[in-house]
Amino acid sequence: QQQLVTFLESLDGVREVNQSRMVANILTDFNRLVA
């Protein structure tokens, strides 16, 4: 998610990019923990 957000924020004409950072971090960390 973060690398895509960085790309989107760099585009001309884009005013704002809303992301679900907390959800992404929770899912990623929990996936890693279970593994």
Full PDB file with SEQRES, HELIX, SHEET, SSBOND, CRYST1, ORIGX, SCALE, CONECT and MASTER records, all heavy atoms in Angstrom:
SEQRES   1 A   35  GLN GLN GLN LEU VAL THR PHE LEU GLU SER LEU ASP GLY          
SEQRES   2 A   35  VAL ARG GLU VAL ASN GLN SER ARG MET VAL ALA ASN ILE          
SEQRES   3 A   35  LEU THR ASP PHE ASN ARG LEU VAL ALA                          
HELIX    1 AA1 GLN A    2  GLU A    9  1                                   8    
HELIX    2 AA2 ARG A   21  VAL A   34  1                                  14    
CRYST1    1.000    1.000    1.000  90.00  90.00  90.00 P 1           1          
ORIGX1      1.000000  0.000000  0.000000        0.00000                         
ORIGX2      0.000000  1.000000  0.000000        0.00000                         
ORIGX3      0.000000  0.000000  1.000000        0.00000                         
SCALE1      1.000000  0.000000  0.000000        0.00000                         
SCALE2      0.000000  1.000000  0.000000        0.00000                         
SCALE3      0.000000  0.000000  1.000000        0.00000                         
ATOM      1  N   GLN A   1       0.808  -1.211   0.000  1.00  0.00           N  
ATOM      2  CA  GLN A   1       0.000   0.000   0.000  1.00  0.00           C  
ATOM      3  C   GLN A   1       0.847   1.270   0.000  1.00  0.00           C  
ATOM      4  O   GLN A   1       0.590   2.194  -0.778  1.00  0.00           O  
ATOM      5  CB  GLN A   1      -0.932   0.011   1.220  1.00  0.00           C  
ATOM      6  CG  GLN A   1      -1.800   1.250   1.306  1.00  0.00           C  
ATOM      7  CD  GLN A   1      -2.773   1.178   2.461  1.00  0.00           C  
ATOM      8  OE1 GLN A   1      -3.962   0.962   2.250  1.00  0.00           O  
ATOM      9  NE2 GLN A   1      -2.293   1.357   3.675  1.00  0.00           N  
ATOM     10  N   GLN A   2       1.869   1.328   0.841  1.00  0.00           N  
ATOM     11  CA  GLN A   2       2.620   2.562   1.008  1.00  0.00           C  
ATOM     12  C   GLN A   2       3.338   2.984  -0.272  1.00  0.00           C  
ATOM     13  O   GLN A   2       3.361   4.171  -0.619  1.00  0.00           O  
ATOM     14  CB  GLN A   2       3.627   2.426   2.155  1.00  0.00           C  
ATOM     15  CG  GLN A   2       4.301   3.736   2.549  1.00  0.00           C  
ATOM     16  CD  GLN A   2       3.300   4.836   2.864  1.00  0.00           C  
ATOM     17  OE1 GLN A   2       2.374   4.653   3.638  1.00  0.00           O  
ATOM     18  NE2 GLN A   2       3.471   6.003   2.238  1.00  0.00           N  
ATOM     19  N   GLN A   3       3.923   2.022  -0.989  1.00  0.00           N  
ATOM     20  CA  GLN A   3       4.634   2.392  -2.207  1.00  0.00           C  
ATOM     21  C   GLN A   3       3.674   2.881  -3.290  1.00  0.00           C  
ATOM     22  O   GLN A   3       4.014   3.783  -4.074  1.00  0.00           O  
ATOM     23  CB  GLN A   3       5.472   1.222  -2.714  1.00  0.00           C  
ATOM     24  CG  GLN A   3       4.682  -0.012  -3.135  1.00  0.00           C  
ATOM     25  CD  GLN A   3       5.584  -1.219  -3.340  1.00  0.00           C  
ATOM     26  OE1 GLN A   3       6.303  -1.648  -2.441  1.00  0.00           O  
ATOM     27  NE2 GLN A   3       5.545  -1.767  -4.538  1.00  0.00           N  
ATOM     28  N   LEU A   4       2.452   2.348  -3.306  1.00  0.00           N  
ATOM     29  CA  LEU A   4       1.467   2.842  -4.259  1.00  0.00           C  
ATOM     30  C   LEU A   4       1.000   4.233  -3.865  1.00  0.00           C  
ATOM     31  O   LEU A   4       0.820   5.106  -4.733  1.00  0.00           O  
ATOM     32  CB  LEU A   4       0.280   1.885  -4.339  1.00  0.00           C  
ATOM     33  CG  LEU A   4      -0.838   2.298  -5.303  1.00  0.00           C  
ATOM     34  CD1 LEU A   4      -0.304   2.416  -6.726  1.00  0.00           C  
ATOM     35  CD2 LEU A   4      -2.001   1.313  -5.245  1.00  0.00           C  
ATOM     36  N   VAL A   5       0.802   4.475  -2.573  1.00  0.00           N  
ATOM     37  CA  VAL A   5       0.389   5.791  -2.101  1.00  0.00           C  
ATOM     38  C   VAL A   5       1.431   6.842  -2.465  1.00  0.00           C  
ATOM     39  O   VAL A   5       1.108   7.947  -2.912  1.00  0.00           O  
ATOM     40  CB  VAL A   5       0.157   5.780  -0.574  1.00  0.00           C  
ATOM     41  CG1 VAL A   5      -0.002   7.202  -0.035  1.00  0.00           C  
ATOM     42  CG2 VAL A   5      -1.077   4.946  -0.241  1.00  0.00           C  
ATOM     43  N   THR A   6       2.701   6.501  -2.290  1.00  0.00           N  
ATOM     44  CA  THR A   6       3.788   7.426  -2.640  1.00  0.00           C  
ATOM     45  C   THR A   6       3.727   7.792  -4.125  1.00  0.00           C  
ATOM     46  O   THR A   6       3.899   8.957  -4.504  1.00  0.00           O  
ATOM     47  CB  THR A   6       5.155   6.809  -2.315  1.00  0.00           C  
ATOM     48  OG1 THR A   6       5.201   6.494  -0.920  1.00  0.00           O  
ATOM     49  CG2 THR A   6       6.286   7.756  -2.652  1.00  0.00           C  
ATOM     50  N   PHE A   7       3.461   6.794  -4.977  1.00  0.00           N  
ATOM     51  CA  PHE A   7       3.349   7.048  -6.410  1.00  0.00           C  
ATOM     52  C   PHE A   7       2.151   7.942  -6.716  1.00  0.00           C  
ATOM     53  O   PHE A   7       2.252   8.908  -7.490  1.00  0.00           O  
ATOM     54  CB  PHE A   7       3.216   5.728  -7.163  1.00  0.00           C  
ATOM     55  CG  PHE A   7       2.781   5.878  -8.590  1.00  0.00           C  
ATOM     56  CD1 PHE A   7       3.664   6.317  -9.557  1.00  0.00           C  
ATOM     57  CD2 PHE A   7       1.466   5.601  -8.964  1.00  0.00           C  
ATOM     58  CE1 PHE A   7       3.259   6.472 -10.885  1.00  0.00           C  
ATOM     59  CE2 PHE A   7       1.054   5.750 -10.273  1.00  0.00           C  
ATOM     60  CZ  PHE A   7       1.955   6.188 -11.237  1.00  0.00           C  
ATOM     61  N   LEU A   8       1.023   7.648  -6.104  1.00  0.00           N  
ATOM     62  CA  LEU A   8      -0.195   8.414  -6.374  1.00  0.00           C  
ATOM     63  C   LEU A   8      -0.048   9.870  -5.949  1.00  0.00           C  
ATOM     64  O   LEU A   8      -0.516  10.780  -6.637  1.00  0.00           O  
ATOM     65  CB  LEU A   8      -1.384   7.773  -5.661  1.00  0.00           C  
ATOM     66  CG  LEU A   8      -1.793   6.374  -6.150  1.00  0.00           C  
ATOM     67  CD1 LEU A   8      -2.868   5.787  -5.237  1.00  0.00           C  
ATOM     68  CD2 LEU A   8      -2.286   6.424  -7.587  1.00  0.00           C  
ATOM     69  N   GLU A   9       0.585  10.093  -4.819  1.00  0.00           N  
ATOM     70  CA  GLU A   9       0.770  11.462  -4.332  1.00  0.00           C  
ATOM     71  C   GLU A   9       1.688  12.275  -5.228  1.00  0.00           C  
ATOM     72  O   GLU A   9       1.657  13.505  -5.193  1.00  0.00           O  
ATOM     73  CB  GLU A   9       1.325  11.421  -2.908  1.00  0.00           C  
ATOM     74  CG  GLU A   9       0.309  10.924  -1.877  1.00  0.00           C  
ATOM     75  CD  GLU A   9       0.899  10.793  -0.487  1.00  0.00           C  
ATOM     76  OE1 GLU A   9       2.161  10.678  -0.389  1.00  0.00           O  
ATOM     77  OE2 GLU A   9       0.144  10.788   0.503  1.00  0.00           O  
ATOM     78  N   SER A  10       2.496  11.587  -6.044  1.00  0.00           N  
ATOM     79  CA  SER A  10       3.416  12.298  -6.937  1.00  0.00           C  
ATOM     80  C   SER A  10       2.768  12.707  -8.257  1.00  0.00           C  
ATOM     81  O   SER A  10       3.366  13.451  -9.043  1.00  0.00           O  
ATOM     82  CB  SER A  10       4.637  11.420  -7.230  1.00  0.00           C  
ATOM     83  OG  SER A  10       4.271  10.295  -8.026  1.00  0.00           O  
ATOM     84  N   LEU A  11       1.549  12.258  -8.519  1.00  0.00           N  
ATOM     85  CA  LEU A  11       0.888  12.551  -9.792  1.00  0.00           C  
ATOM     86  C   LEU A  11       0.305  13.970  -9.796  1.00  0.00           C  
ATOM     87  O   LEU A  11      -0.276  14.425  -8.807  1.00  0.00           O  
ATOM     88  CB  LEU A  11      -0.238  11.538 -10.041  1.00  0.00           C  
ATOM     89  CG  LEU A  11       0.168  10.074 -10.230  1.00  0.00           C  
ATOM     90  CD1 LEU A  11      -1.065   9.196 -10.373  1.00  0.00           C  
ATOM     91  CD2 LEU A  11       1.080   9.920 -11.453  1.00  0.00           C  
ATOM     92  N   ASP A  12       0.455  14.647 -10.917  1.00  0.00           N  
ATOM     93  CA  ASP A  12      -0.138  15.983 -11.080  1.00  0.00           C  
ATOM     94  C   ASP A  12      -1.657  15.867 -11.120  1.00  0.00           C  
ATOM     95  O   ASP A  12      -2.202  14.980 -11.801  1.00  0.00           O  
ATOM     96  CB  ASP A  12       0.366  16.628 -12.377  1.00  0.00           C  
ATOM     97  CG  ASP A  12       1.850  16.976 -12.303  1.00  0.00           C  
ATOM     98  OD1 ASP A  12       2.339  17.181 -11.175  1.00  0.00           O  
ATOM     99  OD2 ASP A  12       2.499  17.037 -13.370  1.00  0.00           O  
ATOM    100  N   GLY A  13      -2.323  16.750 -10.418  1.00  0.00           N  
ATOM    101  CA  GLY A  13      -3.784  16.752 -10.397  1.00  0.00           C  
ATOM    102  C   GLY A  13      -4.385  16.003  -9.222  1.00  0.00           C  
ATOM    103  O   GLY A  13      -5.594  16.067  -9.003  1.00  0.00           O  
ATOM    104  N   VAL A  14      -3.550  15.300  -8.467  1.00  0.00           N  
ATOM    105  CA  VAL A  14      -4.049  14.570  -7.301  1.00  0.00           C  
ATOM    106  C   VAL A  14      -3.981  15.478  -6.081  1.00  0.00           C  
ATOM    107  O   VAL A  14      -2.917  15.971  -5.711  1.00  0.00           O  
ATOM    108  CB  VAL A  14      -3.222  13.283  -7.054  1.00  0.00           C  
ATOM    109  CG1 VAL A  14      -3.633  12.641  -5.725  1.00  0.00           C  
ATOM    110  CG2 VAL A  14      -3.412  12.313  -8.206  1.00  0.00           C  
ATOM    111  N   ARG A  15      -5.157  15.708  -5.466  1.00  0.00           N  
ATOM    112  CA  ARG A  15      -5.224  16.590  -4.305  1.00  0.00           C  
ATOM    113  C   ARG A  15      -4.963  15.843  -3.000  1.00  0.00           C  
ATOM    114  O   ARG A  15      -4.290  16.349  -2.108  1.00  0.00           O  
ATOM    115  CB  ARG A  15      -6.615  17.232  -4.237  1.00  0.00           C  
ATOM    116  CG  ARG A  15      -6.798  18.174  -3.044  1.00  0.00           C  
ATOM    117  CD  ARG A  15      -8.183  18.789  -3.012  1.00  0.00           C  
ATOM    118  NE  ARG A  15      -9.171  17.894  -2.431  1.00  0.00           N  
ATOM    119  CZ  ARG A  15     -10.206  17.374  -3.073  1.00  0.00           C  
ATOM    120  NH1 ARG A  15     -10.392  17.644  -4.346  1.00  0.00           N  
ATOM    121  NH2 ARG A  15     -11.056  16.574  -2.462  1.00  0.00           N  
ATOM    122  N   GLU A  16      -5.474  14.615  -2.909  1.00  0.00           N  
ATOM    123  CA  GLU A  16      -5.395  13.892  -1.638  1.00  0.00           C  
ATOM    124  C   GLU A  16      -5.472  12.392  -1.908  1.00  0.00           C  
ATOM    125  O   GLU A  16      -6.175  11.945  -2.820  1.00  0.00           O  
ATOM    126  CB  GLU A  16      -6.548  14.329  -0.726  1.00  0.00           C  
ATOM    127  CG  GLU A  16      -6.526  13.712   0.655  1.00  0.00           C  
ATOM    128  CD  GLU A  16      -7.700  14.195   1.500  1.00  0.00           C  
ATOM    129  OE1 GLU A  16      -8.472  15.061   1.017  1.00  0.00           O  
ATOM    130  OE2 GLU A  16      -7.849  13.707   2.639  1.00  0.00           O  
ATOM    131  N   VAL A  17      -4.751  11.629  -1.104  1.00  0.00           N  
ATOM    132  CA  VAL A  17      -4.798  10.164  -1.176  1.00  0.00           C  
ATOM    133  C   VAL A  17      -5.111   9.643   0.220  1.00  0.00           C  
ATOM    134  O   VAL A  17      -4.340   9.847   1.156  1.00  0.00           O  
ATOM    135  CB  VAL A  17      -3.465   9.570  -1.672  1.00  0.00           C  
ATOM    136  CG1 VAL A  17      -3.546   8.047  -1.682  1.00  0.00           C  
ATOM    137  CG2 VAL A  17      -3.122  10.099  -3.057  1.00  0.00           C  
ATOM    138  N   ASN A  18      -6.265   8.984   0.361  1.00  0.00           N  
ATOM    139  CA  ASN A  18      -6.671   8.421   1.650  1.00  0.00           C  
ATOM    140  C   ASN A  18      -6.350   6.933   1.667  1.00  0.00           C  
ATOM    141  O   ASN A  18      -6.713   6.195   0.749  1.00  0.00           O  
ATOM    142  CB  ASN A  18      -8.168   8.631   1.890  1.00  0.00           C  
ATOM    143  CG  ASN A  18      -8.524  10.094   1.989  1.00  0.00           C  
ATOM    144  OD1 ASN A  18      -7.758  10.890   2.532  1.00  0.00           O  
ATOM    145  ND2 ASN A  18      -9.680  10.474   1.456  1.00  0.00           N  
ATOM    146  N   GLN A  19      -5.671   6.497   2.717  1.00  0.00           N  
ATOM    147  CA  GLN A  19      -5.280   5.098   2.816  1.00  0.00           C  
ATOM    148  C   GLN A  19      -5.687   4.526   4.173  1.00  0.00           C  
ATOM    149  O   GLN A  19      -5.898   5.264   5.136  1.00  0.00           O  
ATOM    150  CB  GLN A  19      -3.760   4.960   2.660  1.00  0.00           C  
ATOM    151  CG  GLN A  19      -2.969   5.732   3.709  1.00  0.00           C  
ATOM    152  CD  GLN A  19      -1.483   5.494   3.588  1.00  0.00           C  
ATOM    153  OE1 GLN A  19      -1.042   4.360   3.457  1.00  0.00           O  
ATOM    154  NE2 GLN A  19      -0.696   6.568   3.627  1.00  0.00           N  
ATOM    155  N   SER A  20      -5.764   3.189   4.226  1.00  0.00           N  
ATOM    156  CA  SER A  20      -6.087   2.485   5.472  1.00  0.00           C  
ATOM    157  C   SER A  20      -4.790   1.912   6.043  1.00  0.00           C  
ATOM    158  O   SER A  20      -4.530   0.716   5.994  1.00  0.00           O  
ATOM    159  CB  SER A  20      -7.099   1.371   5.213  1.00  0.00           C  
ATOM    160  OG  SER A  20      -8.258   1.876   4.615  1.00  0.00           O  
ATOM    161  N   ARG A  21      -3.950   2.798   6.557  1.00  0.00           N  
ATOM    162  CA  ARG A  21      -2.626   2.386   7.019  1.00  0.00           C  
ATOM    163  C   ARG A  21      -2.701   1.411   8.182  1.00  0.00           C  
ATOM    164  O   ARG A  21      -1.974   0.424   8.226  1.00  0.00           O  
ATOM    165  CB  ARG A  21      -1.814   3.619   7.414  1.00  0.00           C  
ATOM    166  CG  ARG A  21      -0.409   3.298   7.905  1.00  0.00           C  
ATOM    167  CD  ARG A  21       0.390   4.569   8.145  1.00  0.00           C  
ATOM    168  NE  ARG A  21       0.580   5.314   6.910  1.00  0.00           N  
ATOM    169  CZ  ARG A  21       1.153   6.510   6.855  1.00  0.00           C  
ATOM    170  NH1 ARG A  21       1.579   7.092   7.957  1.00  0.00           N  
ATOM    171  NH2 ARG A  21       1.299   7.128   5.689  1.00  0.00           N  
ATOM    172  N   MET A  22      -3.594   1.660   9.127  1.00  0.00           N  
ATOM    173  CA  MET A  22      -3.679   0.791  10.301  1.00  0.00           C  
ATOM    174  C   MET A  22      -4.112  -0.614   9.906  1.00  0.00           C  
ATOM    175  O   MET A  22      -3.539  -1.610  10.363  1.00  0.00           O  
ATOM    176  CB  MET A  22      -4.668   1.368  11.317  1.00  0.00           C  
ATOM    177  CG  MET A  22      -4.786   0.537  12.591  1.00  0.00           C  
ATOM    178  SD  MET A  22      -5.897   1.282  13.808  1.00  0.00           S  
ATOM    179  CE  MET A  22      -4.972   2.763  14.214  1.00  0.00           C  
ATOM    180  N   VAL A  23      -5.128  -0.706   9.049  1.00  0.00           N  
ATOM    181  CA  VAL A  23      -5.605  -2.022   8.602  1.00  0.00           C  
ATOM    182  C   VAL A  23      -4.507  -2.753   7.863  1.00  0.00           C  
ATOM    183  O   VAL A  23      -4.283  -3.951   8.071  1.00  0.00           O  
ATOM    184  CB  VAL A  23      -6.850  -1.862   7.702  1.00  0.00           C  
ATOM    185  CG1 VAL A  23      -7.271  -3.203   7.122  1.00  0.00           C  
ATOM    186  CG2 VAL A  23      -7.999  -1.248   8.481  1.00  0.00           C  
ATOM    187  N   ALA A  24      -3.805  -2.055   6.988  1.00  0.00           N  
ATOM    188  CA  ALA A  24      -2.724  -2.676   6.222  1.00  0.00           C  
ATOM    189  C   ALA A  24      -1.630  -3.202   7.148  1.00  0.00           C  
ATOM    190  O   ALA A  24      -1.139  -4.325   6.975  1.00  0.00           O  
ATOM    191  CB  ALA A  24      -2.141  -1.673   5.237  1.00  0.00           C  
ATOM    192  N   ASN A  25      -1.247  -2.409   8.135  1.00  0.00           N  
ATOM    193  CA  ASN A  25      -0.192  -2.831   9.066  1.00  0.00           C  
ATOM    194  C   ASN A  25      -0.628  -4.028   9.895  1.00  0.00           C  
ATOM    195  O   ASN A  25       0.160  -4.958  10.131  1.00  0.00           O  
ATOM    196  CB  ASN A  25       0.190  -1.669   9.987  1.00  0.00           C  
ATOM    197  CG  ASN A  25       0.917  -0.561   9.248  1.00  0.00           C  
ATOM    198  OD1 ASN A  25       1.463  -0.790   8.170  1.00  0.00           O  
ATOM    199  ND2 ASN A  25       0.926   0.637   9.806  1.00  0.00           N  
ATOM    200  N   ILE A  26      -1.876  -4.008  10.364  1.00  0.00           N  
ATOM    201  CA  ILE A  26      -2.374  -5.120  11.173  1.00  0.00           C  
ATOM    202  C   ILE A  26      -2.394  -6.412  10.367  1.00  0.00           C  
ATOM    203  O   ILE A  26      -1.936  -7.467  10.829  1.00  0.00           O  
ATOM    204  CB  ILE A  26      -3.782  -4.801  11.708  1.00  0.00           C  
ATOM    205  CG1 ILE A  26      -3.710  -3.703  12.773  1.00  0.00           C  
ATOM    206  CG2 ILE A  26      -4.433  -6.051  12.310  1.00  0.00           C  
ATOM    207  CD1 ILE A  26      -5.063  -3.223  13.242  1.00  0.00           C  
ATOM    208  N   LEU A  27      -2.916  -6.363   9.154  1.00  0.00           N  
ATOM    209  CA  LEU A  27      -2.991  -7.562   8.319  1.00  0.00           C  
ATOM    210  C   LEU A  27      -1.603  -8.092   7.979  1.00  0.00           C  
ATOM    211  O   LEU A  27      -1.343  -9.299   8.039  1.00  0.00           O  
ATOM    212  CB  LEU A  27      -3.769  -7.258   7.039  1.00  0.00           C  
ATOM    213  CG  LEU A  27      -5.271  -6.969   7.207  1.00  0.00           C  
ATOM    214  CD1 LEU A  27      -5.885  -6.574   5.881  1.00  0.00           C  
ATOM    215  CD2 LEU A  27      -5.979  -8.186   7.777  1.00  0.00           C  
ATOM    216  N   THR A  28      -0.697  -7.190   7.612  1.00  0.00           N  
ATOM    217  CA  THR A  28       0.663  -7.603   7.258  1.00  0.00           C  
ATOM    218  C   THR A  28       1.381  -8.222   8.445  1.00  0.00           C  
ATOM    219  O   THR A  28       2.000  -9.290   8.337  1.00  0.00           O  
ATOM    220  CB  THR A  28       1.463  -6.399   6.733  1.00  0.00           C  
ATOM    221  OG1 THR A  28       0.793  -5.845   5.596  1.00  0.00           O  
ATOM    222  CG2 THR A  28       2.863  -6.830   6.318  1.00  0.00           C  
ATOM    223  N   ASP A  29       1.311  -7.572   9.618  1.00  0.00           N  
ATOM    224  CA  ASP A  29       2.002  -8.079  10.805  1.00  0.00           C  
ATOM    225  C   ASP A  29       1.412  -9.397  11.281  1.00  0.00           C  
ATOM    226  O   ASP A  29       2.152 -10.305  11.687  1.00  0.00           O  
ATOM    227  CB  ASP A  29       1.926  -7.039  11.936  1.00  0.00           C  
ATOM    228  CG  ASP A  29       2.726  -5.786  11.630  1.00  0.00           C  
ATOM    229  OD1 ASP A  29       3.568  -5.844  10.712  1.00  0.00           O  
ATOM    230  OD2 ASP A  29       2.512  -4.758  12.289  1.00  0.00           O  
ATOM    231  N   PHE A  30       0.088  -9.509  11.239  1.00  0.00           N  
ATOM    232  CA  PHE A  30      -0.545 -10.749  11.701  1.00  0.00           C  
ATOM    233  C   PHE A  30      -0.224 -11.898  10.761  1.00  0.00           C  
ATOM    234  O   PHE A  30       0.002 -13.033  11.205  1.00  0.00           O  
ATOM    235  CB  PHE A  30      -2.056 -10.558  11.803  1.00  0.00           C  
ATOM    236  CG  PHE A  30      -2.729 -11.591  12.662  1.00  0.00           C  
ATOM    237  CD1 PHE A  30      -2.536 -11.593  14.030  1.00  0.00           C  
ATOM    238  CD2 PHE A  30      -3.539 -12.556  12.101  1.00  0.00           C  
ATOM    239  CE1 PHE A  30      -3.147 -12.539  14.832  1.00  0.00           C  
ATOM    240  CE2 PHE A  30      -4.152 -13.513  12.890  1.00  0.00           C  
ATOM    241  CZ  PHE A  30      -3.959 -13.494  14.256  1.00  0.00           C  
ATOM    242  N   ASN A  31      -0.200 -11.631   9.470  1.00  0.00           N  
ATOM    243  CA  ASN A  31       0.213 -12.654   8.495  1.00  0.00           C  
ATOM    244  C   ASN A  31       1.609 -13.166   8.813  1.00  0.00           C  
ATOM    245  O   ASN A  31       1.879 -14.369   8.820  1.00  0.00           O  
ATOM    246  CB  ASN A  31       0.198 -12.066   7.083  1.00  0.00           C  
ATOM    247  CG  ASN A  31      -0.995 -12.534   6.282  1.00  0.00           C  
ATOM    248  OD1 ASN A  31      -1.609 -13.530   6.622  1.00  0.00           O  
ATOM    249  ND2 ASN A  31      -1.326 -11.813   5.241  1.00  0.00           N  
ATOM    250  N   ARG A  32       2.529 -12.236   9.072  1.00  0.00           N  
ATOM    251  CA  ARG A  32       3.913 -12.597   9.356  1.00  0.00           C  
ATOM    252  C   ARG A  32       4.017 -13.383  10.662  1.00  0.00           C  
ATOM    253  O   ARG A  32       4.746 -14.371  10.754  1.00  0.00           O  
ATOM    254  CB  ARG A  32       4.766 -11.326   9.416  1.00  0.00           C  
ATOM    255  CG  ARG A  32       6.267 -11.599   9.482  1.00  0.00           C  
ATOM    256  CD  ARG A  32       7.066 -10.312   9.516  1.00  0.00           C  
ATOM    257  NE  ARG A  32       6.885  -9.543   8.291  1.00  0.00           N  
ATOM    258  CZ  ARG A  32       6.301  -8.358   8.223  1.00  0.00           C  
ATOM    259  NH1 ARG A  32       5.828  -7.787   9.323  1.00  0.00           N  
ATOM    260  NH2 ARG A  32       6.187  -7.720   7.074  1.00  0.00           N  
ATOM    261  N   LEU A  33       3.274 -12.969  11.681  1.00  0.00           N  
ATOM    262  CA  LEU A  33       3.310 -13.648  12.979  1.00  0.00           C  
ATOM    263  C   LEU A  33       2.821 -15.085  12.863  1.00  0.00           C  
ATOM    264  O   LEU A  33       3.459 -16.012  13.391  1.00  0.00           O  
ATOM    265  CB  LEU A  33       2.440 -12.885  13.982  1.00  0.00           C  
ATOM    266  CG  LEU A  33       2.295 -13.515  15.372  1.00  0.00           C  
ATOM    267  CD1 LEU A  33       3.644 -13.594  16.066  1.00  0.00           C  
ATOM    268  CD2 LEU A  33       1.299 -12.736  16.213  1.00  0.00           C  
ATOM    269  N   VAL A  34       1.710 -15.289  12.184  1.00  0.00           N  
ATOM    270  CA  VAL A  34       1.165 -16.637  12.011  1.00  0.00           C  
ATOM    271  C   VAL A  34       2.156 -17.531  11.269  1.00  0.00           C  
ATOM    272  O   VAL A  34       2.365 -18.688  11.632  1.00  0.00           O  
ATOM    273  CB  VAL A  34      -0.181 -16.584  11.259  1.00  0.00           C  
ATOM    274  CG1 VAL A  34      -0.636 -17.979  10.859  1.00  0.00           C  
ATOM    275  CG2 VAL A  34      -1.241 -15.929  12.124  1.00  0.00           C  
ATOM    276  N   ALA A  35       2.799 -16.996  10.250  1.00  0.00           N  
ATOM    277  CA  ALA A  35       3.766 -17.773   9.477  1.00  0.00           C  
ATOM    278  C   ALA A  35       4.966 -18.172  10.338  1.00  0.00           C  
ATOM    279  O   ALA A  35       5.406 -19.329  10.309  1.00  0.00           O  
ATOM    280  CB  ALA A  35       4.232 -16.979   8.263  1.00  0.00           C  
TER     281      ALA A  35                                                      
MASTER        0    0    0    2    0    0    0    6  280    1    0    3          
END                                                                             
